[in-house]
């Protein structure tokens, strides 16, 4: 059998590369313009390589009873890491994936296809436009992992966007987002302030060094109307191979401080990461 070889292709928003993992037979790393986007093991879809993906996985495992099928809307497709994870851990789930980059979708479909019976449907569209057009109360979970290169687009950071996401969720639904920032956390704090105008319950999951302001890194935002099981989530994330901390309640309100919600008219993308900020966790 031929050894897998790297694939490089110009896509709509940059240059994508699929690189095989020499340590795992059918595993691939996807990068766009050098920034890691996704890691997929076709033989082990429950394997989550990136730290932030593992944290999103912990939330998915705790918000609803294990194994129960879910209706999930993924904003941002990448190599479909989390849709594959949900399909494997929650058979029968219905998942829609919205990805604006048609070239990237074509690359993934060609080299990393999902099984026909996976319950995963991929749509080439803008994330916010899709949110504003899709049926209300149609999703149990909305997961936002949208990066233009290495930055969250500005139109996915405002109160209008947060309201659009809330409209799509059912009453007990949960919104998750992969964000990235560093001290003094102007972007992250503004996002928490923004989503606090729509959801009563908020939590942030991040590596302690990131929360202490020692380095740039990912932070997972969790938002809902119902109380979150932060105790279970904290135990799972603390015992992970890449330990993280869960901030919520008064500590999180103190972290938000005087940060103001973001409006469409003053929305900006997330900050540009420093060179070398992102690597496989």
C-alpha atoms as a PDB file:
ATOM      1  CA  UNK A   1       0.000   0.000   0.000  1.00  0.00           C
ATOM      2  CA  UNK A   2       1.326   3.430  -0.959  1.00  0.00           C
ATOM      3  CA  UNK A   3       2.366   5.740   1.837  1.00  0.00           C
ATOM      4  CA  UNK A   4       0.113   8.799   2.197  1.00  0.00           C
ATOM      5  CA  UNK A   5       1.627  11.973   0.786  1.00  0.00           C
ATOM      6  CA  UNK A   6       0.962  15.613   1.676  1.00  0.00           C
ATOM      7  CA  UNK A   7      -1.604  17.515  -0.373  1.00  0.00           C
ATOM      8  CA  UNK A   8      -1.372  21.263  -1.030  1.00  0.00           C
ATOM      9  CA  UNK A   9      -4.164  23.208  -2.695  1.00  0.00           C
ATOM     10  CA  UNK A  10      -5.225  26.811  -3.141  1.00  0.00           C
ATOM     11  CA  UNK A  11      -8.652  27.228  -1.546  1.00  0.00           C
ATOM     12  CA  UNK A  12     -10.962  30.228  -1.364  1.00  0.00           C
ATOM     13  CA  UNK A  13      -9.280  31.791   1.656  1.00  0.00           C
ATOM     14  CA  UNK A  14      -5.629  30.800   1.390  1.00  0.00           C
ATOM     15  CA  UNK A  15      -3.462  27.760   0.846  1.00  0.00           C
ATOM     16  CA  UNK A  16      -4.583  24.534   2.497  1.00  0.00           C
ATOM     17  CA  UNK A  17      -2.297  21.632   3.278  1.00  0.00           C
ATOM     18  CA  UNK A  18      -3.181  18.101   4.348  1.00  0.00           C
ATOM     19  CA  UNK A  19      -0.230  16.409   6.010  1.00  0.00           C
ATOM     20  CA  UNK A  20      -0.214  12.753   7.101  1.00  0.00           C
ATOM     21  CA  UNK A  21       0.759  11.930  10.684  1.00  0.00           C
ATOM     22  CA  UNK A  22       3.692   9.515  10.606  1.00  0.00           C
ATOM     23  CA  UNK A  23       2.629   8.067  13.975  1.00  0.00           C
ATOM     24  CA  UNK A  24      -1.016   7.291  13.100  1.00  0.00           C
ATOM     25  CA  UNK A  25      -1.829   5.334   9.951  1.00  0.00           C
ATOM     26  CA  UNK A  26      -4.812   7.321   8.608  1.00  0.00           C
ATOM     27  CA  UNK A  27      -4.487  10.584  10.506  1.00  0.00           C
ATOM     28  CA  UNK A  28      -4.150  13.979   8.884  1.00  0.00           C
ATOM     29  CA  UNK A  29      -3.375  17.552   9.912  1.00  0.00           C
ATOM     30  CA  UNK A  30      -5.108  20.335   8.003  1.00  0.00           C
ATOM     31  CA  UNK A  31      -3.511  23.780   7.908  1.00  0.00           C
ATOM     32  CA  UNK A  32      -4.574  26.947   6.099  1.00  0.00           C
ATOM     33  CA  UNK A  33      -1.837  29.478   5.428  1.00  0.00           C
ATOM     34  CA  UNK A  34       0.287  27.619   7.965  1.00  0.00           C
ATOM     35  CA  UNK A  35      -2.246  27.858  10.809  1.00  0.00           C
ATOM     36  CA  UNK A  36      -3.417  24.460  12.148  1.00  0.00           C
ATOM     37  CA  UNK A  37      -7.154  24.079  11.497  1.00  0.00           C
ATOM     38  CA  UNK A  38      -8.053  20.446  12.110  1.00  0.00           C
ATOM     39  CA  UNK A  39      -6.669  17.036  12.950  1.00  0.00           C
ATOM     40  CA  UNK A  40      -8.552  13.910  11.910  1.00  0.00           C
ATOM     41  CA  UNK A  41      -7.862  10.230  12.451  1.00  0.00           C
ATOM     42  CA  UNK A  42     -10.120   8.389  10.017  1.00  0.00           C
ATOM     43  CA  UNK A  43      -9.686   5.145  11.963  1.00  0.00           C
ATOM     44  CA  UNK A  44     -10.367   6.753  15.360  1.00  0.00           C
ATOM     45  CA  UNK A  45     -12.903   9.592  15.041  1.00  0.00           C
ATOM     46  CA  UNK A  46     -13.097   9.960  18.829  1.00  0.00           C
ATOM     47  CA  UNK A  47      -9.415  10.916  18.961  1.00  0.00           C
ATOM     48  CA  UNK A  48      -9.235  14.686  19.498  1.00  0.00           C
ATOM     49  CA  UNK A  49      -5.665  15.895  19.082  1.00  0.00           C
ATOM     50  CA  UNK A  50      -5.988  19.647  19.573  1.00  0.00           C
ATOM     51  CA  UNK A  51      -6.425  20.926  23.123  1.00  0.00           C
ATOM     52  CA  UNK A  52      -9.410  23.124  22.275  1.00  0.00           C
ATOM     53  CA  UNK A  53     -11.135  20.265  20.422  1.00  0.00           C
ATOM     54  CA  UNK A  54     -10.746  18.043  23.473  1.00  0.00           C
ATOM     55  CA  UNK A  55     -12.397  20.728  25.604  1.00  0.00           C
ATOM     56  CA  UNK A  56     -15.277  21.073  23.180  1.00  0.00           C
ATOM     57  CA  UNK A  57     -15.561  17.286  23.335  1.00  0.00           C
ATOM     58  CA  UNK A  58     -15.745  17.380  27.138  1.00  0.00           C
ATOM     59  CA  UNK A  59     -18.629  19.845  26.944  1.00  0.00           C
ATOM     60  CA  UNK A  60     -20.426  17.723  24.371  1.00  0.00           C
ATOM     61  CA  UNK A  61     -20.000  14.684  26.621  1.00  0.00           C
ATOM     62  CA  UNK A  62     -21.466  16.420  29.674  1.00  0.00           C
ATOM     63  CA  UNK A  63     -24.299  18.686  28.469  1.00  0.00           C
ATOM     64  CA  UNK A  64     -26.634  15.791  27.564  1.00  0.00           C
ATOM     65  CA  UNK A  65     -26.746  12.187  28.758  1.00  0.00           C
ATOM     66  CA  UNK A  66     -24.031  10.092  27.071  1.00  0.00           C
ATOM     67  CA  UNK A  67     -25.011   8.452  23.807  1.00  0.00           C
ATOM     68  CA  UNK A  68     -28.177  10.480  23.270  1.00  0.00           C
ATOM     69  CA  UNK A  69     -28.608  11.675  19.682  1.00  0.00           C
ATOM     70  CA  UNK A  70     -28.398  15.428  19.152  1.00  0.00           C
ATOM     71  CA  UNK A  71     -29.223  17.997  16.500  1.00  0.00           C
ATOM     72  CA  UNK A  72     -25.967  19.917  16.110  1.00  0.00           C
ATOM     73  CA  UNK A  73     -25.149  22.949  13.975  1.00  0.00           C
ATOM     74  CA  UNK A  74     -21.428  23.441  13.329  1.00  0.00           C
ATOM     75  CA  UNK A  75     -20.325  26.871  12.147  1.00  0.00           C
ATOM     76  CA  UNK A  76     -16.970  26.316  10.495  1.00  0.00           C
ATOM     77  CA  UNK A  77     -16.112  22.988   8.954  1.00  0.00           C
ATOM     78  CA  UNK A  78     -12.384  22.427   8.704  1.00  0.00           C
ATOM     79  CA  UNK A  79     -11.798  18.688   8.319  1.00  0.00           C
ATOM     80  CA  UNK A  80     -15.057  17.892  10.208  1.00  0.00           C
ATOM     81  CA  UNK A  81     -13.284  16.705  13.348  1.00  0.00           C
ATOM     82  CA  UNK A  82     -16.101  17.404  15.800  1.00  0.00           C
ATOM     83  CA  UNK A  83     -18.923  16.255  13.499  1.00  0.00           C
ATOM     84  CA  UNK A  84     -17.096  12.918  13.183  1.00  0.00           C
ATOM     85  CA  UNK A  85     -16.701  12.812  16.973  1.00  0.00           C
ATOM     86  CA  UNK A  86     -20.422  13.409  17.564  1.00  0.00           C
ATOM     87  CA  UNK A  87     -21.374  10.839  14.920  1.00  0.00           C
ATOM     88  CA  UNK A  88     -19.189   8.243  16.685  1.00  0.00           C
ATOM     89  CA  UNK A  89     -20.214   9.046  20.273  1.00  0.00           C
ATOM     90  CA  UNK A  90     -23.888   9.854  19.622  1.00  0.00           C
ATOM     91  CA  UNK A  91     -25.169   7.642  16.781  1.00  0.00           C
ATOM     92  CA  UNK A  92     -28.294   8.914  15.083  1.00  0.00           C
ATOM     93  CA  UNK A  93     -27.386  12.575  15.562  1.00  0.00           C
ATOM     94  CA  UNK A  94     -28.365  15.017  12.816  1.00  0.00           C
ATOM     95  CA  UNK A  95     -25.552  17.438  12.059  1.00  0.00           C
ATOM     96  CA  UNK A  96     -25.331  20.389   9.716  1.00  0.00           C
ATOM     97  CA  UNK A  97     -21.918  21.879   8.980  1.00  0.00           C
ATOM     98  CA  UNK A  98     -21.659  25.386   7.524  1.00  0.00           C
ATOM     99  CA  UNK A  99     -18.356  26.329   5.874  1.00  0.00           C
ATOM    100  CA  UNK A 100     -17.843  29.390   3.677  1.00  0.00           C
ATOM    101  CA  UNK A 101     -14.740  28.071   1.889  1.00  0.00           C
ATOM    102  CA  UNK A 102     -15.978  25.897  -0.998  1.00  0.00           C
ATOM    103  CA  UNK A 103     -12.444  24.998  -2.021  1.00  0.00           C
ATOM    104  CA  UNK A 104     -11.706  23.692   1.450  1.00  0.00           C
ATOM    105  CA  UNK A 105     -14.917  21.654   1.461  1.00  0.00           C
ATOM    106  CA  UNK A 106     -13.946  20.115  -1.860  1.00  0.00           C
ATOM    107  CA  UNK A 107     -10.485  19.205  -0.554  1.00  0.00           C
ATOM    108  CA  UNK A 108     -11.881  17.546   2.575  1.00  0.00           C
ATOM    109  CA  UNK A 109     -14.611  15.727   0.653  1.00  0.00           C
ATOM    110  CA  UNK A 110     -12.030  14.346  -1.783  1.00  0.00           C
ATOM    111  CA  UNK A 111      -9.373  13.216   0.688  1.00  0.00           C
ATOM    112  CA  UNK A 112     -11.202  12.822   4.033  1.00  0.00           C
ATOM    113  CA  UNK A 113     -14.787  11.842   3.168  1.00  0.00           C
ATOM    114  CA  UNK A 114     -17.340  11.052   5.858  1.00  0.00           C
ATOM    115  CA  UNK A 115     -19.454   7.873   5.594  1.00  0.00           C
ATOM    116  CA  UNK A 116     -22.750   8.270   3.732  1.00  0.00           C
ATOM    117  CA  UNK A 117     -24.693   7.196   6.821  1.00  0.00           C
ATOM    118  CA  UNK A 118     -22.916   9.596   9.204  1.00  0.00           C
ATOM    119  CA  UNK A 119     -25.856  11.999   9.521  1.00  0.00           C
ATOM    120  CA  UNK A 120     -23.494  14.863   8.586  1.00  0.00           C
ATOM    121  CA  UNK A 121     -24.659  17.339   5.918  1.00  0.00           C
ATOM    122  CA  UNK A 122     -22.249  20.013   4.715  1.00  0.00           C
ATOM    123  CA  UNK A 123     -23.374  23.409   3.400  1.00  0.00           C
ATOM    124  CA  UNK A 124     -21.253  26.022   1.610  1.00  0.00           C
ATOM    125  CA  UNK A 125     -22.450  29.262   3.176  1.00  0.00           C
ATOM    126  CA  UNK A 126     -21.544  32.136   5.474  1.00  0.00           C
ATOM    127  CA  UNK A 127     -22.077  31.207   9.123  1.00  0.00           C
ATOM    128  CA  UNK A 128     -24.085  34.257  10.134  1.00  0.00           C
ATOM    129  CA  UNK A 129     -26.206  34.280   6.984  1.00  0.00           C
ATOM    130  CA  UNK A 130     -27.059  30.635   7.662  1.00  0.00           C
ATOM    131  CA  UNK A 131     -27.943  31.339  11.300  1.00  0.00           C
ATOM    132  CA  UNK A 132     -30.246  34.161  10.319  1.00  0.00           C
ATOM    133  CA  UNK A 133     -32.061  32.031   7.719  1.00  0.00           C
ATOM    134  CA  UNK A 134     -32.320  28.607   9.371  1.00  0.00           C
ATOM    135  CA  UNK A 135     -35.424  27.518  11.279  1.00  0.00           C
ATOM    136  CA  UNK A 136     -35.665  28.664  14.917  1.00  0.00           C
ATOM    137  CA  UNK A 137     -35.509  26.154  17.779  1.00  0.00           C
ATOM    138  CA  UNK A 138     -33.879  23.605  15.477  1.00  0.00           C
ATOM    139  CA  UNK A 139     -30.611  22.753  17.255  1.00  0.00           C
ATOM    140  CA  UNK A 140     -29.599  21.273  20.587  1.00  0.00           C
ATOM    141  CA  UNK A 141     -26.026  22.505  20.174  1.00  0.00           C
ATOM    142  CA  UNK A 142     -24.409  25.252  18.107  1.00  0.00           C
ATOM    143  CA  UNK A 143     -20.620  25.049  17.824  1.00  0.00           C
ATOM    144  CA  UNK A 144     -18.761  28.031  16.368  1.00  0.00           C
ATOM    145  CA  UNK A 145     -15.211  27.317  15.223  1.00  0.00           C
ATOM    146  CA  UNK A 146     -14.867  29.902  12.488  1.00  0.00           C
ATOM    147  CA  UNK A 147     -11.534  31.454  11.656  1.00  0.00           C
ATOM    148  CA  UNK A 148     -10.633  33.549   8.652  1.00  0.00           C
ATOM    149  CA  UNK A 149      -7.030  32.392   8.591  1.00  0.00           C
ATOM    150  CA  UNK A 150      -6.250  32.620  12.296  1.00  0.00           C
ATOM    151  CA  UNK A 151      -8.833  35.249  13.331  1.00  0.00           C
ATOM    152  CA  UNK A 152     -12.528  35.064  14.215  1.00  0.00           C
ATOM    153  CA  UNK A 153     -14.378  37.237  11.650  1.00  0.00           C
ATOM    154  CA  UNK A 154     -15.831  40.473  13.011  1.00  0.00           C
ATOM    155  CA  UNK A 155     -19.438  39.741  11.962  1.00  0.00           C
ATOM    156  CA  UNK A 156     -19.412  36.664  14.238  1.00  0.00           C
ATOM    157  CA  UNK A 157     -18.680  38.643  17.409  1.00  0.00           C
ATOM    158  CA  UNK A 158     -21.650  40.979  17.930  1.00  0.00           C
ATOM    159  CA  UNK A 159     -24.842  40.962  19.969  1.00  0.00           C
ATOM    160  CA  UNK A 160     -26.849  40.570  16.748  1.00  0.00           C
ATOM    161  CA  UNK A 161     -24.860  37.422  15.971  1.00  0.00           C
ATOM    162  CA  UNK A 162     -25.352  36.140  19.535  1.00  0.00           C
ATOM    163  CA  UNK A 163     -29.106  36.673  19.218  1.00  0.00           C
ATOM    164  CA  UNK A 164     -29.104  34.813  15.893  1.00  0.00           C
ATOM    165  CA  UNK A 165     -27.371  31.851  17.523  1.00  0.00           C
ATOM    166  CA  UNK A 166     -29.798  31.894  20.460  1.00  0.00           C
ATOM    167  CA  UNK A 167     -32.767  31.921  18.067  1.00  0.00           C
ATOM    168  CA  UNK A 168     -31.625  28.659  16.477  1.00  0.00           C
ATOM    169  CA  UNK A 169     -31.143  26.870  19.797  1.00  0.00           C
ATOM    170  CA  UNK A 170     -33.903  25.056  21.620  1.00  0.00           C
ATOM    171  CA  UNK A 171     -34.789  26.273  25.116  1.00  0.00           C
ATOM    172  CA  UNK A 172     -32.270  23.950  26.795  1.00  0.00           C
ATOM    173  CA  UNK A 173     -29.682  24.260  24.022  1.00  0.00           C
ATOM    174  CA  UNK A 174     -26.025  25.130  24.448  1.00  0.00           C
ATOM    175  CA  UNK A 175     -23.773  27.429  22.418  1.00  0.00           C
ATOM    176  CA  UNK A 176     -20.045  26.667  22.196  1.00  0.00           C
ATOM    177  CA  UNK A 177     -17.310  28.722  20.582  1.00  0.00           C
ATOM    178  CA  UNK A 178     -13.600  28.355  20.067  1.00  0.00           C
ATOM    179  CA  UNK A 179     -11.996  31.757  20.663  1.00  0.00           C
ATOM    180  CA  UNK A 180      -8.400  32.903  20.992  1.00  0.00           C
ATOM    181  CA  UNK A 181      -6.832  35.800  22.886  1.00  0.00           C
ATOM    182  CA  UNK A 182      -4.126  36.879  25.325  1.00  0.00           C
ATOM    183  CA  UNK A 183      -3.843  39.306  28.230  1.00  0.00           C
ATOM    184  CA  UNK A 184      -5.355  41.826  28.743  1.00  0.00           C
ATOM    185  CA  UNK A 185      -8.138  39.776  27.068  1.00  0.00           C
ATOM    186  CA  UNK A 186      -9.904  42.678  25.375  1.00  0.00           C
ATOM    187  CA  UNK A 187     -11.465  40.338  22.812  1.00  0.00           C
ATOM    188  CA  UNK A 188     -12.397  37.484  25.164  1.00  0.00           C
ATOM    189  CA  UNK A 189     -13.864  39.803  27.788  1.00  0.00           C
ATOM    190  CA  UNK A 190     -15.907  41.617  25.125  1.00  0.00           C
ATOM    191  CA  UNK A 191     -17.232  38.287  23.842  1.00  0.00           C
ATOM    192  CA  UNK A 192     -18.309  37.266  27.328  1.00  0.00           C
ATOM    193  CA  UNK A 193     -20.007  40.622  27.802  1.00  0.00           C
ATOM    194  CA  UNK A 194     -21.713  40.198  24.426  1.00  0.00           C
ATOM    195  CA  UNK A 195     -23.080  36.722  25.127  1.00  0.00           C
ATOM    196  CA  UNK A 196     -24.125  37.701  28.649  1.00  0.00           C
ATOM    197  CA  UNK A 197     -26.714  40.000  27.044  1.00  0.00           C
ATOM    198  CA  UNK A 198     -28.408  36.916  25.553  1.00  0.00           C
ATOM    199  CA  UNK A 199     -27.632  33.948  27.843  1.00  0.00           C
ATOM    200  CA  UNK A 200     -27.912  33.717  31.634  1.00  0.00           C
ATOM    201  CA  UNK A 201     -25.280  31.009  32.068  1.00  0.00           C
ATOM    202  CA  UNK A 202     -21.682  31.396  30.870  1.00  0.00           C
ATOM    203  CA  UNK A 203     -18.433  29.501  31.357  1.00  0.00           C
ATOM    204  CA  UNK A 204     -14.939  29.660  29.884  1.00  0.00           C
ATOM    205  CA  UNK A 205     -12.526  26.740  29.598  1.00  0.00           C
ATOM    206  CA  UNK A 206      -8.841  27.427  29.027  1.00  0.00           C
ATOM    207  CA  UNK A 207      -5.368  26.310  29.983  1.00  0.00           C
ATOM    208  CA  UNK A 208      -4.369  27.969  33.286  1.00  0.00           C
ATOM    209  CA  UNK A 209      -1.343  29.646  31.721  1.00  0.00           C
ATOM    210  CA  UNK A 210      -3.590  31.353  29.180  1.00  0.00           C
ATOM    211  CA  UNK A 211      -6.000  32.551  31.871  1.00  0.00           C
ATOM    212  CA  UNK A 212      -3.072  33.886  33.907  1.00  0.00           C
ATOM    213  CA  UNK A 213      -1.974  35.926  30.909  1.00  0.00           C
ATOM    214  CA  UNK A 214       1.255  34.034  30.310  1.00  0.00           C
ATOM    215  CA  UNK A 215       0.607  33.238  26.656  1.00  0.00           C
ATOM    216  CA  UNK A 216      -1.759  33.562  23.726  1.00  0.00           C
ATOM    217  CA  UNK A 217      -4.142  30.625  23.406  1.00  0.00           C
ATOM    218  CA  UNK A 218      -7.584  29.183  22.858  1.00  0.00           C
ATOM    219  CA  UNK A 219     -10.533  29.618  25.184  1.00  0.00           C
ATOM    220  CA  UNK A 220     -13.797  27.718  24.839  1.00  0.00           C
ATOM    221  CA  UNK A 221     -16.917  29.781  25.533  1.00  0.00           C
ATOM    222  CA  UNK A 222     -20.006  27.922  26.777  1.00  0.00           C
ATOM    223  CA  UNK A 223     -23.376  29.708  26.946  1.00  0.00           C
ATOM    224  CA  UNK A 224     -26.910  28.570  27.739  1.00  0.00           C
ATOM    225  CA  UNK A 225     -30.147  29.492  29.466  1.00  0.00           C
ATOM    226  CA  UNK A 226     -30.012  26.480  31.777  1.00  0.00           C
ATOM    227  CA  UNK A 227     -27.429  25.883  34.516  1.00  0.00           C
ATOM    228  CA  UNK A 228     -24.282  24.173  33.313  1.00  0.00           C
ATOM    229  CA  UNK A 229     -22.787  21.174  35.096  1.00  0.00           C
ATOM    230  CA  UNK A 230     -19.558  23.045  35.735  1.00  0.00           C
ATOM    231  CA  UNK A 231     -18.453  20.661  38.510  1.00  0.00           C
ATOM    232  CA  UNK A 232     -18.385  17.654  36.175  1.00  0.00           C
ATOM    233  CA  UNK A 233     -16.876  19.755  33.407  1.00  0.00           C
ATOM    234  CA  UNK A 234     -14.163  21.023  35.747  1.00  0.00           C
ATOM    235  CA  UNK A 235     -13.259  17.487  36.813  1.00  0.00           C
ATOM    236  CA  UNK A 236     -13.040  16.269  33.236  1.00  0.00           C
ATOM    237  CA  UNK A 237     -10.982  19.187  31.974  1.00  0.00           C
ATOM    238  CA  UNK A 238      -8.651  19.184  34.985  1.00  0.00           C
ATOM    239  CA  UNK A 239      -7.875  15.478  34.551  1.00  0.00           C
ATOM    240  CA  UNK A 240      -7.318  15.721  30.794  1.00  0.00           C
ATOM    241  CA  UNK A 241      -3.902  15.067  29.262  1.00  0.00           C
ATOM    242  CA  UNK A 242      -3.857  18.843  28.677  1.00  0.00           C
ATOM    243  CA  UNK A 243      -5.387  20.179  31.910  1.00  0.00           C
ATOM    244  CA  UNK A 244      -7.678  23.178  31.742  1.00  0.00           C
ATOM    245  CA  UNK A 245      -9.648  25.315  34.156  1.00  0.00           C
ATOM    246  CA  UNK A 246     -13.352  26.192  34.076  1.00  0.00           C
ATOM    247  CA  UNK A 247     -14.276  29.746  35.059  1.00  0.00           C
ATOM    248  CA  UNK A 248     -17.910  30.629  35.787  1.00  0.00           C
ATOM    249  CA  UNK A 249     -20.137  32.504  38.206  1.00  0.00           C
ATOM    250  CA  UNK A 250     -18.729  35.400  40.253  1.00  0.00           C
ATOM    251  CA  UNK A 251     -15.139  34.763  39.129  1.00  0.00           C
ATOM    252  CA  UNK A 252     -16.188  35.042  35.508  1.00  0.00           C
ATOM    253  CA  UNK A 253     -18.215  38.198  36.144  1.00  0.00           C
ATOM    254  CA  UNK A 254     -15.131  39.685  37.777  1.00  0.00           C
ATOM    255  CA  UNK A 255     -13.068  38.661  34.749  1.00  0.00           C
ATOM    256  CA  UNK A 256     -15.535  40.418  32.416  1.00  0.00           C
ATOM    257  CA  UNK A 257     -15.259  43.556  34.499  1.00  0.00           C
ATOM    258  CA  UNK A 258     -16.278  46.712  32.635  1.00  0.00           C
ATOM    259  CA  UNK A 259     -16.066  45.135  29.169  1.00  0.00           C
ATOM    260  CA  UNK A 260     -18.831  46.312  26.851  1.00  0.00           C
ATOM    261  CA  UNK A 261     -20.935  44.161  24.509  1.00  0.00           C
ATOM    262  CA  UNK A 262     -19.931  44.344  20.854  1.00  0.00           C
ATOM    263  CA  UNK A 263     -22.308  45.915  18.330  1.00  0.00           C
ATOM    264  CA  UNK A 264     -22.186  45.296  14.596  1.00  0.00           C
ATOM    265  CA  UNK A 265     -20.990  48.833  13.967  1.00  0.00           C
ATOM    266  CA  UNK A 266     -17.894  48.471  16.163  1.00  0.00           C
ATOM    267  CA  UNK A 267     -17.129  44.768  15.719  1.00  0.00           C
ATOM    268  CA  UNK A 268     -13.540  43.783  14.908  1.00  0.00           C
ATOM    269  CA  UNK A 269     -11.897  40.395  14.257  1.00  0.00           C
ATOM    270  CA  UNK A 270     -10.154  38.541  17.069  1.00  0.00           C
ATOM    271  CA  UNK A 271      -6.498  39.527  17.542  1.00  0.00           C
ATOM    272  CA  UNK A 272      -3.774  38.266  15.247  1.00  0.00           C
ATOM    273  CA  UNK A 273      -1.884  35.497  17.070  1.00  0.00           C
ATOM    274  CA  UNK A 274       1.854  35.937  17.528  1.00  0.00           C
ATOM    275  CA  UNK A 275       4.144  33.780  15.423  1.00  0.00           C
ATOM    276  CA  UNK A 276       4.211  30.200  16.703  1.00  0.00           C
ATOM    277  CA  UNK A 277       1.206  30.693  18.973  1.00  0.00           C
ATOM    278  CA  UNK A 278      -0.670  27.696  17.628  1.00  0.00           C
ATOM    279  CA  UNK A 279       0.717  24.200  17.509  1.00  0.00           C
ATOM    280  CA  UNK A 280      -0.670  20.717  17.927  1.00  0.00           C
ATOM    281  CA  UNK A 281      -1.625  20.117  21.560  1.00  0.00           C
END
